[in-house]
N, C-alpha and C. Protein backbone atom coordinates (compact mmCIF):
# COMPACT_ATOMS: atom_id res chain seq x y z
N MET A 1 0.63 -1.06 0.06
CA MET A 1 0.03 0.14 -0.03
C MET A 1 0.58 1.31 -0.03
N GLU A 2 0.83 1.80 -1.21
CA GLU A 2 1.55 3.18 -1.08
C GLU A 2 0.74 4.38 -1.22
N SER A 3 0.44 5.01 -0.18
CA SER A 3 -0.43 6.11 0.07
C SER A 3 -0.27 6.92 1.52
N LEU A 4 -1.29 7.64 1.77
CA LEU A 4 -1.09 8.34 2.88
C LEU A 4 -1.81 6.97 3.89
N PRO A 5 -1.57 7.00 5.16
CA PRO A 5 -0.42 7.66 5.74
C PRO A 5 0.93 7.26 5.45
N GLY A 6 1.40 6.67 4.47
CA GLY A 6 2.91 5.98 4.13
C GLY A 6 3.03 4.74 4.82
N PRO A 7 3.96 4.14 4.08
CA PRO A 7 4.19 2.66 4.35
C PRO A 7 5.18 2.67 5.71
N TYR A 8 5.69 3.66 6.24
CA TYR A 8 6.24 4.01 7.52
C TYR A 8 5.43 3.69 8.62
N LEU A 9 4.36 4.23 8.03
CA LEU A 9 3.42 4.38 9.46
C LEU A 9 2.30 3.17 9.51
N TYR A 10 2.09 2.57 8.25
CA TYR A 10 1.38 1.20 8.45
C TYR A 10 2.13 0.20 9.23
N ARG A 11 3.18 0.54 9.60
CA ARG A 11 3.94 -0.57 10.83
C ARG A 11 3.17 -0.52 12.03
N LYS A 12 2.46 0.52 12.16
CA LYS A 12 1.64 0.35 13.58
C LYS A 12 0.15 0.00 13.51
N MET A 13 -0.27 -0.02 12.19
CA MET A 13 -1.22 -0.25 11.94
C MET A 13 -1.62 -2.14 11.83
N ILE A 14 -0.61 -2.48 11.36
CA ILE A 14 -0.38 -4.05 11.38
C ILE A 14 -1.10 -4.73 12.45
N PRO A 15 -0.27 -4.76 13.90
CA PRO A 15 -0.97 -5.29 14.75
C PRO A 15 -2.36 -5.18 14.96
N ILE A 16 -2.81 -4.10 14.59
CA ILE A 16 -4.62 -4.04 14.96
C ILE A 16 -5.20 -4.46 13.93
N ILE A 17 -4.81 -4.36 12.61
CA ILE A 17 -5.39 -5.45 11.51
C ILE A 17 -5.50 -6.93 12.07
N VAL A 18 -4.34 -7.20 12.20
CA VAL A 18 -4.07 -8.83 12.53
C VAL A 18 -5.02 -8.98 13.92
N GLY A 19 -5.12 -8.55 14.70
CA GLY A 19 -5.82 -8.65 15.99
C GLY A 19 -7.45 -8.48 15.70
N ALA A 20 -7.78 -8.03 14.49
CA ALA A 20 -9.37 -7.99 14.16
C ALA A 20 -9.54 -9.29 13.34
N GLY A 21 -8.48 -10.11 13.28
CA GLY A 21 -8.70 -11.13 12.77
C GLY A 21 -8.43 -11.37 11.06
N HIS A 22 -8.06 -10.29 10.54
CA HIS A 22 -7.48 -10.14 9.27
C HIS A 22 -5.95 -10.57 8.77
N ARG A 23 -5.90 -11.12 7.68
CA ARG A 23 -4.56 -11.53 7.37
C ARG A 23 -3.50 -10.36 6.63
N VAL A 24 -2.43 -9.84 6.70
CA VAL A 24 -1.61 -9.02 6.47
C VAL A 24 -0.15 -9.54 5.75
N VAL A 25 -0.16 -9.03 4.33
CA VAL A 25 0.80 -9.10 3.81
C VAL A 25 1.79 -7.97 3.67
N VAL A 26 3.26 -8.19 3.91
CA VAL A 26 4.03 -6.99 4.10
C VAL A 26 5.33 -7.03 3.03
N PRO A 27 5.07 -6.78 1.56
CA PRO A 27 6.48 -7.02 1.19
C PRO A 27 7.53 -6.12 1.44
N ASP A 28 8.41 -6.76 1.25
CA ASP A 28 9.89 -5.55 1.41
C ASP A 28 10.57 -5.62 -0.17
N LEU A 29 10.33 -4.57 -0.67
CA LEU A 29 11.04 -4.43 -2.10
C LEU A 29 12.56 -4.05 -2.10
N VAL A 30 13.22 -4.84 -3.09
CA VAL A 30 14.70 -4.69 -3.28
C VAL A 30 15.05 -3.21 -3.01
N GLY A 31 15.71 -3.00 -2.05
CA GLY A 31 16.52 -1.73 -2.03
C GLY A 31 15.75 -0.77 -1.08
N PHE A 32 14.45 -1.15 -0.69
CA PHE A 32 13.76 -0.38 0.40
C PHE A 32 13.55 -1.49 1.66
N GLY A 33 13.40 -0.71 2.68
CA GLY A 33 12.98 -1.53 3.84
C GLY A 33 14.34 -1.84 4.21
N LYS A 34 14.49 -3.40 4.78
CA LYS A 34 15.56 -4.04 5.23
C LYS A 34 16.30 -4.81 4.18
N SER A 35 15.87 -4.78 3.13
CA SER A 35 16.84 -5.42 1.93
C SER A 35 17.59 -4.71 1.55
N GLU A 36 18.38 -5.20 1.05
CA GLU A 36 19.85 -4.58 0.18
C GLU A 36 19.62 -4.31 -1.35
N SER A 37 19.87 -3.31 -1.86
CA SER A 37 19.35 -3.17 -3.18
C SER A 37 20.86 -3.77 -4.00
N GLN A 38 20.51 -4.05 -5.13
CA GLN A 38 21.18 -5.03 -5.83
C GLN A 38 22.23 -3.68 -6.88
N LEU A 39 23.20 -3.47 -6.31
CA LEU A 39 24.00 -2.43 -7.14
C LEU A 39 24.64 -2.97 -8.40
N THR A 40 24.51 -4.25 -8.82
CA THR A 40 24.97 -4.52 -10.10
C THR A 40 24.01 -4.31 -11.24
N LYS A 41 22.43 -4.17 -10.69
CA LYS A 41 21.51 -3.90 -11.92
C LYS A 41 21.49 -2.36 -12.45
N LYS A 42 21.37 -2.42 -13.59
CA LYS A 42 21.00 -1.00 -14.11
C LYS A 42 19.91 -0.31 -13.51
N ILE A 43 20.11 0.95 -13.47
CA ILE A 43 19.09 1.74 -12.78
C ILE A 43 18.68 2.72 -13.78
N THR A 44 17.25 2.72 -14.25
CA THR A 44 16.55 3.71 -15.21
C THR A 44 15.83 4.69 -14.67
N LEU A 45 16.16 6.02 -14.54
CA LEU A 45 15.38 7.10 -14.35
C LEU A 45 14.52 7.46 -15.02
N ILE A 46 13.28 7.92 -14.27
CA ILE A 46 12.13 8.33 -15.36
C ILE A 46 12.67 9.52 -16.17
N LYS A 47 13.29 10.42 -15.75
CA LYS A 47 14.00 11.67 -16.37
C LYS A 47 14.97 11.03 -17.77
N ASN A 48 15.43 10.04 -17.81
CA ASN A 48 16.08 9.48 -18.82
C ASN A 48 15.42 8.50 -19.77
N MET A 49 14.04 8.19 -19.48
CA MET A 49 13.00 7.53 -20.13
C MET A 49 12.81 8.22 -21.45
């Protein structure tokens, strides 16, 4: 979910949602969160497209 209140703030909502009996999936995209980015892959910036 990428919107307000933002991904960082959803971390506090996850226990509440799970406590209500719902299932929560939290992806960790490569290079974001606690994963490491792959420096060997080419990065294409929007301004270069």
